[in-house]
Amino acid sequence: MADETGARSGVPPILVLQKIKQVLECFTIENPELSLQQITKATGLPPSTCQRLVHNLVREGFLDRDDDRFRIGLGLVRWAAPGSFGLDLVQLTRPILRDLRDETGETACLYVRDGGFRTVVALAETRHVVMRLFMVGMVMVLHAGSAGKVFMAYDPAARRAAVSQGLTRLTPRTTVDIDLLDKQLEEVRELGYAASFEERDSGAASISAPVFGMSGELIAVLGIGAPTQRLGPTDVGRLVPAVEAAAERASRQLGFRPPTAAK
């Protein structure tokens, strides 16, 4: 696509790739949807050049269009997903996620952290028709949802990153008070898991537990997500053991050995 665009415009292909990168880098977590005018302003490209690139990117699946708004295309997300499959973490935990999905009946996900956000790097999707939507590459904030709470509870750097991003209210149940958040994180450390209900999306719930590396550091978070019609507060006691067992199994696969109690 770059060669074809470059041939039409007379611009060397490497410059076309640089301009494509400029366009794609306009999209962020805070601004996932942009108009053509906003993209043109952010890139500083001539309007005609920007319009041609954006339309070609839509045609090739790098961008999706909804009326006069553009966003990163699902095609690009799918093409990027295989990059995570080479990670030992993903390879080792894939069977664990499938087993957790089969045991609980709900979508099982593995998350890693990048700054104040968490990303799904692997999942085993539920077979229920009604489900919470997850996909590899999906990025979410830390302060809303059980997986983010686990990251913050076991990694002080994660809490600092989340607070510096700002505790934005996503639903009426999102925690935006720092003192309350710290109390919740303390409870997560005491329990060894986190459960959340409608903190990030209305009608959605999740349970998550930590995955540790060989030296005891937090490597990832593993959990399940489901609609609240199947996962409510009364279901936590039934489902937590399976989530904790899956996270412990993943930790052992990564070489973690919990300290033995002194006799």
C-alpha atoms as a PDB file:
ATOM      1  CA  MET A   1       0.000   0.000   0.000  1.00  0.00           C
ATOM      2  CA  ALA A   2       2.901   2.363   0.804  1.00  0.00           C
ATOM      3  CA  ASP A   3       4.521   1.666  -2.604  1.00  0.00           C
ATOM      4  CA  GLU A   4       1.247   2.326  -4.421  1.00  0.00           C
ATOM      5  CA  THR A   5       0.607   5.565  -2.538  1.00  0.00           C
ATOM      6  CA  GLY A   6       4.173   6.706  -3.029  1.00  0.00           C
ATOM      7  CA  ALA A   7       4.052   6.017  -6.762  1.00  0.00           C
ATOM      8  CA  ARG A   8       0.931   8.150  -7.155  1.00  0.00           C
ATOM      9  CA  SER A   9       2.247  11.053  -5.086  1.00  0.00           C
ATOM     10  CA  GLY A  10       5.857  10.995  -6.230  1.00  0.00           C
ATOM     11  CA  VAL A  11       6.996  10.724  -2.570  1.00  0.00           C
ATOM     12  CA  PRO A  12       9.633   8.049  -1.815  1.00  0.00           C
ATOM     13  CA  PRO A  13       8.049   5.066  -0.003  1.00  0.00           C
ATOM     14  CA  ILE A  14      10.060   5.608   3.189  1.00  0.00           C
ATOM     15  CA  LEU A  15       8.584   9.104   3.522  1.00  0.00           C
ATOM     16  CA  VAL A  16       5.106   7.681   3.010  1.00  0.00           C
ATOM     17  CA  LEU A  17       5.696   5.249   5.869  1.00  0.00           C
ATOM     18  CA  GLN A  18       6.789   8.123   8.088  1.00  0.00           C
ATOM     19  CA  LYS A  19       3.607  10.019   7.265  1.00  0.00           C
ATOM     20  CA  ILE A  20       1.491   6.927   7.952  1.00  0.00           C
ATOM     21  CA  LYS A  21       3.200   6.642  11.330  1.00  0.00           C
ATOM     22  CA  GLN A  22       2.374  10.301  12.006  1.00  0.00           C
ATOM     23  CA  VAL A  23      -1.290   9.644  11.297  1.00  0.00           C
ATOM     24  CA  LEU A  24      -1.510   6.513  13.446  1.00  0.00           C
ATOM     25  CA  GLU A  25       0.286   8.156  16.361  1.00  0.00           C
ATOM     26  CA  CYS A  26      -2.430  10.827  16.541  1.00  0.00           C
ATOM     27  CA  PHE A  27      -4.754   8.303  18.169  1.00  0.00           C
ATOM     28  CA  THR A  28      -4.409   7.837  21.921  1.00  0.00           C
ATOM     29  CA  ILE A  29      -6.346   6.323  24.812  1.00  0.00           C
ATOM     30  CA  GLU A  30      -7.616   9.799  25.669  1.00  0.00           C
ATOM     31  CA  ASN A  31      -8.535  10.564  22.021  1.00  0.00           C
ATOM     32  CA  PRO A  32      -9.384   7.281  20.278  1.00  0.00           C
ATOM     33  CA  GLU A  33     -11.633   8.958  17.677  1.00  0.00           C
ATOM     34  CA  LEU A  34     -10.598  11.936  15.550  1.00  0.00           C
ATOM     35  CA  SER A  35     -11.968  13.930  12.647  1.00  0.00           C
ATOM     36  CA  LEU A  36      -9.940  14.471   9.483  1.00  0.00           C
ATOM     37  CA  GLN A  37      -9.431  18.085  10.509  1.00  0.00           C
ATOM     38  CA  GLN A  38      -8.032  17.019  13.886  1.00  0.00           C
ATOM     39  CA  ILE A  39      -5.684  14.504  12.240  1.00  0.00           C
ATOM     40  CA  THR A  40      -4.470  17.125   9.788  1.00  0.00           C
ATOM     41  CA  LYS A  41      -3.807  19.584  12.611  1.00  0.00           C
ATOM     42  CA  ALA A  42      -2.032  16.991  14.779  1.00  0.00           C
ATOM     43  CA  THR A  43       0.246  15.748  11.995  1.00  0.00           C
ATOM     44  CA  GLY A  44       0.944  19.091  10.380  1.00  0.00           C
ATOM     45  CA  LEU A  45       0.598  17.447   6.978  1.00  0.00           C
ATOM     46  CA  PRO A  46      -0.884  19.317   4.024  1.00  0.00           C
ATOM     47  CA  PRO A  47      -4.674  18.769   4.005  1.00  0.00           C
ATOM     48  CA  SER A  48      -4.672  17.045   0.610  1.00  0.00           C
ATOM     49  CA  THR A  49      -1.846  14.688   1.635  1.00  0.00           C
ATOM     50  CA  CYS A  50      -3.500  13.873   4.953  1.00  0.00           C
ATOM     51  CA  GLN A  51      -6.873  13.242   3.323  1.00  0.00           C
ATOM     52  CA  ARG A  52      -5.329  10.873   0.764  1.00  0.00           C
ATOM     53  CA  LEU A  53      -3.394   8.945   3.427  1.00  0.00           C
ATOM     54  CA  VAL A  54      -6.386   8.641   5.753  1.00  0.00           C
ATOM     55  CA  HIS A  55      -8.654   7.369   2.986  1.00  0.00           C
ATOM     56  CA  ASN A  56      -6.030   4.814   1.919  1.00  0.00           C
ATOM     57  CA  LEU A  57      -5.607   3.690   5.530  1.00  0.00           C
ATOM     58  CA  VAL A  58      -9.366   3.164   5.818  1.00  0.00           C
ATOM     59  CA  ARG A  59      -9.399   1.180   2.575  1.00  0.00           C
ATOM     60  CA  GLU A  60      -6.581  -1.074   3.785  1.00  0.00           C
ATOM     61  CA  GLY A  61      -8.050  -1.630   7.260  1.00  0.00           C
ATOM     62  CA  PHE A  62      -5.528   0.398   9.267  1.00  0.00           C
ATOM     63  CA  LEU A  63      -8.301   2.838  10.218  1.00  0.00           C
ATOM     64  CA  ASP A  64     -12.047   2.438  10.654  1.00  0.00           C
ATOM     65  CA  ARG A  65     -14.508   5.216   9.783  1.00  0.00           C
ATOM     66  CA  ASP A  66     -17.799   6.102  11.464  1.00  0.00           C
ATOM     67  CA  ASP A  67     -19.428   9.050   9.725  1.00  0.00           C
ATOM     68  CA  ASP A  68     -16.801  11.819   9.925  1.00  0.00           C
ATOM     69  CA  ARG A  69     -14.772  10.195  12.719  1.00  0.00           C
ATOM     70  CA  PHE A  70     -11.822   7.828  12.403  1.00  0.00           C
ATOM     71  CA  ARG A  71     -10.215   5.366  14.815  1.00  0.00           C
ATOM     72  CA  ILE A  72      -7.556   2.640  14.738  1.00  0.00           C
ATOM     73  CA  GLY A  73      -8.958  -0.209  12.633  1.00  0.00           C
ATOM     74  CA  LEU A  74      -9.832  -3.577  14.117  1.00  0.00           C
ATOM     75  CA  GLY A  75      -7.860  -5.086  11.261  1.00  0.00           C
ATOM     76  CA  LEU A  76      -4.706  -3.422  12.547  1.00  0.00           C
ATOM     77  CA  VAL A  77      -5.446  -4.675  16.066  1.00  0.00           C
ATOM     78  CA  ARG A  78      -5.795  -8.241  14.752  1.00  0.00           C
ATOM     79  CA  TRP A  79      -2.569  -8.009  12.759  1.00  0.00           C
ATOM     80  CA  ALA A  80      -0.709  -6.729  15.814  1.00  0.00           C
ATOM     81  CA  ALA A  81      -2.052  -9.493  18.077  1.00  0.00           C
ATOM     82  CA  PRO A  82       0.326 -12.269  16.838  1.00  0.00           C
ATOM     83  CA  GLY A  83       3.213 -10.198  18.163  1.00  0.00           C
ATOM     84  CA  SER A  84       2.170 -11.159  21.683  1.00  0.00           C
ATOM     85  CA  PHE A  85       2.029 -14.863  20.888  1.00  0.00           C
ATOM     86  CA  GLY A  86       5.802 -15.142  20.913  1.00  0.00           C
ATOM     87  CA  LEU A  87       5.975 -14.111  24.534  1.00  0.00           C
ATOM     88  CA  ASP A  88       6.754 -16.952  26.921  1.00  0.00           C
ATOM     89  CA  LEU A  89       4.171 -15.506  29.289  1.00  0.00           C
ATOM     90  CA  VAL A  90       1.429 -15.866  26.687  1.00  0.00           C
ATOM     91  CA  GLN A  91       2.523 -19.315  25.564  1.00  0.00           C
ATOM     92  CA  LEU A  92       2.723 -20.628  29.112  1.00  0.00           C
ATOM     93  CA  THR A  93      -0.618 -19.261  30.211  1.00  0.00           C
ATOM     94  CA  ARG A  94      -2.729 -20.013  27.150  1.00  0.00           C
ATOM     95  CA  PRO A  95      -3.727 -23.521  28.381  1.00  0.00           C
ATOM     96  CA  ILE A  96      -4.410 -22.093  31.840  1.00  0.00           C
ATOM     97  CA  LEU A  97      -6.795 -19.514  30.413  1.00  0.00           C
ATOM     98  CA  ARG A  98      -8.631 -22.180  28.437  1.00  0.00           C
ATOM     99  CA  ASP A  99      -8.988 -24.338  31.553  1.00  0.00           C
ATOM    100  CA  LEU A 100     -10.244 -21.369  33.581  1.00  0.00           C
ATOM    101  CA  ARG A 101     -12.765 -20.541  30.870  1.00  0.00           C
ATOM    102  CA  ASP A 102     -13.985 -24.124  30.802  1.00  0.00           C
ATOM    103  CA  GLU A 103     -14.246 -24.318  34.598  1.00  0.00           C
ATOM    104  CA  THR A 104     -16.047 -21.016  35.135  1.00  0.00           C
ATOM    105  CA  GLY A 105     -17.822 -20.700  31.791  1.00  0.00           C
ATOM    106  CA  GLU A 106     -16.631 -17.083  31.489  1.00  0.00           C
ATOM    107  CA  THR A 107     -14.017 -15.275  29.401  1.00  0.00           C
ATOM    108  CA  ALA A 108     -10.552 -15.599  30.940  1.00  0.00           C
ATOM    109  CA  CYS A 109      -7.980 -12.856  30.284  1.00  0.00           C
ATOM    110  CA  LEU A 110      -4.315 -12.196  30.933  1.00  0.00           C
ATOM    111  CA  TYR A 111      -3.198  -8.586  31.385  1.00  0.00           C
ATOM    112  CA  VAL A 112       0.143  -6.810  31.462  1.00  0.00           C
ATOM    113  CA  ARG A 113       0.719  -3.208  32.526  1.00  0.00           C
ATOM    114  CA  ASP A 114       2.137  -0.287  30.608  1.00  0.00           C
ATOM    115  CA  GLY A 115       2.241   2.865  32.714  1.00  0.00           C
ATOM    116  CA  GLY A 116      -1.224   3.763  33.925  1.00  0.00           C
ATOM    117  CA  PHE A 117      -2.938   1.260  31.655  1.00  0.00           C
ATOM    118  CA  ARG A 118      -3.414  -2.492  31.324  1.00  0.00           C
ATOM    119  CA  THR A 119      -3.568  -4.469  28.102  1.00  0.00           C
ATOM    120  CA  VAL A 120      -5.127  -7.836  27.285  1.00  0.00           C
ATOM    121  CA  VAL A 121      -2.328 -10.015  25.866  1.00  0.00           C
ATOM    122  CA  ALA A 122      -4.161 -13.350  25.832  1.00  0.00           C
ATOM    123  CA  LEU A 123      -7.685 -14.635  26.365  1.00  0.00           C
ATOM    124  CA  ALA A 124     -10.003 -17.621  26.154  1.00  0.00           C
ATOM    125  CA  GLU A 125     -13.454 -16.438  25.160  1.00  0.00           C
ATOM    126  CA  THR A 126     -16.654 -17.670  26.789  1.00  0.00           C
ATOM    127  CA  ARG A 127     -19.041 -19.813  24.776  1.00  0.00           C
ATOM    128  CA  HIS A 128     -22.057 -17.918  26.128  1.00  0.00           C
ATOM    129  CA  VAL A 129     -23.962 -15.874  23.569  1.00  0.00           C
ATOM    130  CA  VAL A 130     -24.238 -12.959  26.008  1.00  0.00           C
ATOM    131  CA  MET A 131     -20.725 -11.911  26.942  1.00  0.00           C
ATOM    132  CA  ARG A 132     -18.416  -9.068  27.890  1.00  0.00           C
ATOM    133  CA  LEU A 133     -16.396  -8.007  24.878  1.00  0.00           C
ATOM    134  CA  PHE A 134     -12.644  -8.550  25.194  1.00  0.00           C
ATOM    135  CA  MET A 135      -9.949  -8.819  22.551  1.00  0.00           C
ATOM    136  CA  VAL A 136      -6.187  -9.135  22.471  1.00  0.00           C
ATOM    137  CA  GLY A 137      -4.694  -5.650  22.398  1.00  0.00           C
ATOM    138  CA  MET A 138      -7.578  -4.067  24.321  1.00  0.00           C
ATOM    139  CA  VAL A 139      -6.259  -1.271  26.590  1.00  0.00           C
ATOM    140  CA  MET A 140      -7.962  -0.154  29.810  1.00  0.00           C
ATOM    141  CA  VAL A 141      -7.265   2.158  32.731  1.00  0.00           C
ATOM    142  CA  LEU A 142      -6.010   0.734  36.019  1.00  0.00           C
ATOM    143  CA  HIS A 143      -8.314   2.380  38.544  1.00  0.00           C
ATOM    144  CA  ALA A 144     -11.555   0.867  37.201  1.00  0.00           C
ATOM    145  CA  GLY A 145     -11.873  -2.913  37.271  1.00  0.00           C
ATOM    146  CA  SER A 146     -10.503  -5.823  39.263  1.00  0.00           C
ATOM    147  CA  ALA A 147      -7.370  -6.437  37.162  1.00  0.00           C
ATOM    148  CA  GLY A 148      -6.267  -2.827  37.539  1.00  0.00           C
ATOM    149  CA  LYS A 149      -6.857  -2.985  41.293  1.00  0.00           C
ATOM    150  CA  VAL A 150      -4.589  -6.039  41.516  1.00  0.00           C
ATOM    151  CA  PHE A 151      -1.831  -4.253  39.596  1.00  0.00           C
ATOM    152  CA  MET A 152      -2.063  -1.268  41.943  1.00  0.00           C
ATOM    153  CA  ALA A 153      -2.279  -3.392  45.088  1.00  0.00           C
ATOM    154  CA  TYR A 154       0.910  -5.328  44.373  1.00  0.00           C
ATOM    155  CA  ASP A 155       2.951  -2.725  42.497  1.00  0.00           C
ATOM    156  CA  PRO A 156       3.373   0.776  43.997  1.00  0.00           C
ATOM    157  CA  ALA A 157       4.560   2.068  40.609  1.00  0.00           C
ATOM    158  CA  ALA A 158       1.212   1.036  39.117  1.00  0.00           C
ATOM    159  CA  ARG A 159      -0.695   3.008  41.746  1.00  0.00           C
ATOM    160  CA  ARG A 160       1.455   6.090  41.160  1.00  0.00           C
ATOM    161  CA  ALA A 161       0.958   5.814  37.399  1.00  0.00           C
ATOM    162  CA  ALA A 162      -2.804   5.438  37.752  1.00  0.00           C
ATOM    163  CA  VAL A 163      -3.142   8.409  40.095  1.00  0.00           C
ATOM    164  CA  SER A 164      -0.967  10.581  37.861  1.00  0.00           C
ATOM    165  CA  GLN A 165      -3.257   9.758  34.932  1.00  0.00           C
ATOM    166  CA  GLY A 166      -6.224  10.967  36.958  1.00  0.00           C
ATOM    167  CA  LEU A 167      -9.036   8.921  38.491  1.00  0.00           C
ATOM    168  CA  THR A 168     -11.666   9.536  35.839  1.00  0.00           C
ATOM    169  CA  ARG A 169     -15.231   8.509  36.632  1.00  0.00           C
ATOM    170  CA  LEU A 170     -16.404   6.008  34.007  1.00  0.00           C
ATOM    171  CA  THR A 171     -19.576   4.829  35.751  1.00  0.00           C
ATOM    172  CA  PRO A 172     -21.354   5.775  38.994  1.00  0.00           C
ATOM    173  CA  ARG A 173     -19.389   2.976  40.700  1.00  0.00           C
ATOM    174  CA  THR A 174     -15.902   4.032  39.586  1.00  0.00           C
ATOM    175  CA  THR A 175     -13.626   4.811  42.540  1.00  0.00           C
ATOM    176  CA  VAL A 176     -12.316   8.368  42.170  1.00  0.00           C
ATOM    177  CA  ASP A 177     -11.446   9.106  45.822  1.00  0.00           C
ATOM    178  CA  ILE A 178      -7.783   8.305  46.565  1.00  0.00           C
ATOM    179  CA  ASP A 179      -8.369   7.449  50.231  1.00  0.00           C
ATOM    180  CA  LEU A 180     -11.126   5.007  49.310  1.00  0.00           C
ATOM    181  CA  LEU A 181      -8.951   3.564  46.552  1.00  0.00           C
ATOM    182  CA  ASP A 182      -6.114   2.926  49.007  1.00  0.00           C
ATOM    183  CA  LYS A 183      -8.507   1.123  51.367  1.00  0.00           C
ATOM    184  CA  GLN A 184      -9.665  -1.059  48.491  1.00  0.00           C
ATOM    185  CA  LEU A 185      -6.076  -1.875  47.524  1.00  0.00           C
ATOM    186  CA  GLU A 186      -5.275  -2.864  51.102  1.00  0.00           C
ATOM    187  CA  GLU A 187      -8.259  -5.205  51.054  1.00  0.00           C
ATOM    188  CA  VAL A 188      -7.046  -6.721  47.770  1.00  0.00           C
ATOM    189  CA  ARG A 189      -3.668  -7.490  49.343  1.00  0.00           C
ATOM    190  CA  GLU A 190      -5.375  -9.072  52.356  1.00  0.00           C
ATOM    191  CA  LEU A 191      -7.697 -11.225  50.243  1.00  0.00           C
ATOM    192  CA  GLY A 192      -5.264 -12.071  47.456  1.00  0.00           C
ATOM    193  CA  TYR A 193      -7.757 -11.178  44.719  1.00  0.00           C
ATOM    194  CA  ALA A 194     -10.030  -8.369  43.543  1.00  0.00           C
ATOM    195  CA  ALA A 195     -13.658  -8.368  42.409  1.00  0.00           C
ATOM    196  CA  SER A 196     -15.380  -5.432  40.747  1.00  0.00           C
ATOM    197  CA  PHE A 197     -18.900  -4.686  39.625  1.00  0.00           C
ATOM    198  CA  GLU A 198     -19.763  -2.037  37.031  1.00  0.00           C
ATOM    199  CA  GLU A 199     -16.655   0.065  37.748  1.00  0.00           C
ATOM    200  CA  ARG A 200     -15.603   0.392  34.096  1.00  0.00           C
ATOM    201  CA  ASP A 201     -18.770  -0.569  32.207  1.00  0.00           C
ATOM    202  CA  SER A 202     -22.364  -0.792  33.354  1.00  0.00           C
ATOM    203  CA  GLY A 203     -23.570  -4.386  33.523  1.00  0.00           C
ATOM    204  CA  ALA A 204     -20.033  -5.818  33.662  1.00  0.00           C
ATOM    205  CA  ALA A 205     -18.149  -7.595  36.438  1.00  0.00           C
ATOM    206  CA  SER A 206     -14.789  -9.290  36.925  1.00  0.00           C
ATOM    207  CA  ILE A 207     -12.562 -11.213  39.325  1.00  0.00           C
ATOM    208  CA  SER A 208      -8.754 -11.091  39.080  1.00  0.00           C
ATOM    209  CA  ALA A 209      -5.662 -12.393  40.873  1.00  0.00           C
ATOM    210  CA  PRO A 210      -1.911 -11.686  40.654  1.00  0.00           C
ATOM    211  CA  VAL A 211       0.652 -13.634  38.614  1.00  0.00           C
ATOM    212  CA  PHE A 212       4.164 -13.508  40.096  1.00  0.00           C
ATOM    213  CA  GLY A 213       7.577 -14.112  38.543  1.00  0.00           C
ATOM    214  CA  MET A 214      10.538 -16.123  39.801  1.00  0.00           C
ATOM    215  CA  SER A 215      11.723 -13.458  42.238  1.00  0.00           C
ATOM    216  CA  GLY A 216       8.237 -12.692  43.530  1.00  0.00           C
ATOM    217  CA  GLU A 217       7.620  -9.577  41.439  1.00  0.00           C
ATOM    218  CA  LEU A 218       4.205  -8.982  39.884  1.00  0.00           C
ATOM    219  CA  ILE A 219       4.394 -10.032  36.231  1.00  0.00           C
ATOM    220  CA  ALA A 220       0.771  -9.987  35.100  1.00  0.00           C
ATOM    221  CA  VAL A 221      -2.822 -10.279  36.261  1.00  0.00           C
ATOM    222  CA  LEU A 222      -5.183 -13.094  35.336  1.00  0.00           C
ATOM    223  CA  GLY A 223      -8.943 -13.060  35.696  1.00  0.00           C
ATOM    224  CA  ILE A 224     -12.422 -13.559  34.326  1.00  0.00           C
ATOM    225  CA  GLY A 225     -14.998 -11.078  33.071  1.00  0.00           C
ATOM    226  CA  ALA A 226     -18.725 -11.553  32.647  1.00  0.00           C
ATOM    227  CA  PRO A 227     -22.064  -9.740  32.558  1.00  0.00           C
ATOM    228  CA  THR A 228     -23.463  -8.969  36.004  1.00  0.00           C
ATOM    229  CA  GLN A 229     -26.425 -11.227  35.234  1.00  0.00           C
ATOM    230  CA  ARG A 230     -24.000 -14.166  35.630  1.00  0.00           C
ATOM    231  CA  LEU A 231     -21.387 -12.654  37.926  1.00  0.00           C
ATOM    232  CA  GLY A 232     -22.743 -10.833  40.944  1.00  0.00           C
ATOM    233  CA  PRO A 233     -21.470 -10.405  44.524  1.00  0.00           C
ATOM    234  CA  THR A 234     -23.044 -13.727  45.546  1.00  0.00           C
ATOM    235  CA  ASP A 235     -21.041 -15.549  42.852  1.00  0.00           C
ATOM    236  CA  VAL A 236     -17.633 -14.389  44.067  1.00  0.00           C
ATOM    237  CA  GLY A 237     -17.201 -17.125  46.657  1.00  0.00           C
ATOM    238  CA  ARG A 238     -17.972 -19.772  44.050  1.00  0.00           C
ATOM    239  CA  LEU A 239     -15.625 -18.411  41.367  1.00  0.00           C
ATOM    240  CA  VAL A 240     -12.671 -16.996  43.307  1.00  0.00           C
ATOM    241  CA  PRO A 241     -11.022 -20.394  44.017  1.00  0.00           C
ATOM    242  CA  ALA A 242     -10.816 -21.146  40.291  1.00  0.00           C
ATOM    243  CA  VAL A 243      -9.334 -17.728  39.497  1.00  0.00           C
ATOM    244  CA  GLU A 244      -6.811 -17.949  42.329  1.00  0.00           C
ATOM    245  CA  ALA A 245      -5.812 -21.484  41.341  1.00  0.00           C
ATOM    246  CA  ALA A 246      -5.279 -20.392  37.727  1.00  0.00           C
ATOM    247  CA  ALA A 247      -3.136 -17.430  38.786  1.00  0.00           C
ATOM    248  CA  GLU A 248      -1.101 -19.640  41.138  1.00  0.00           C
ATOM    249  CA  ARG A 249      -0.608 -22.164  38.349  1.00  0.00           C
ATOM    250  CA  ALA A 250       0.587 -19.410  36.019  1.00  0.00           C
ATOM    251  CA  SER A 251       2.976 -18.148  38.701  1.00  0.00           C
ATOM    252  CA  ARG A 252       4.456 -21.641  39.151  1.00  0.00           C
ATOM    253  CA  GLN A 253       4.881 -21.928  35.380  1.00  0.00           C
ATOM    254  CA  LEU A 254       6.967 -18.743  35.559  1.00  0.00           C
ATOM    255  CA  GLY A 255       9.152 -20.165  38.311  1.00  0.00           C
ATOM    256  CA  PHE A 256       7.517 -18.555  41.361  1.00  0.00           C
ATOM    257  CA  ARG A 257       7.649 -20.488  44.619  1.00  0.00           C
ATOM    258  CA  PRO A 258       5.739 -18.955  47.535  1.00  0.00           C
ATOM    259  CA  PRO A 259       7.737 -18.685  50.780  1.00  0.00           C
ATOM    260  CA  THR A 260       7.109 -21.544  53.188  1.00  0.00           C
ATOM    261  CA  ALA A 261       5.800 -20.708  56.620  1.00  0.00           C
ATOM    262  CA  ALA A 262       8.292 -21.075  59.441  1.00  0.00           C
ATOM    263  CA  LYS A 263       7.660 -24.064  61.663  1.00  0.00           C
END
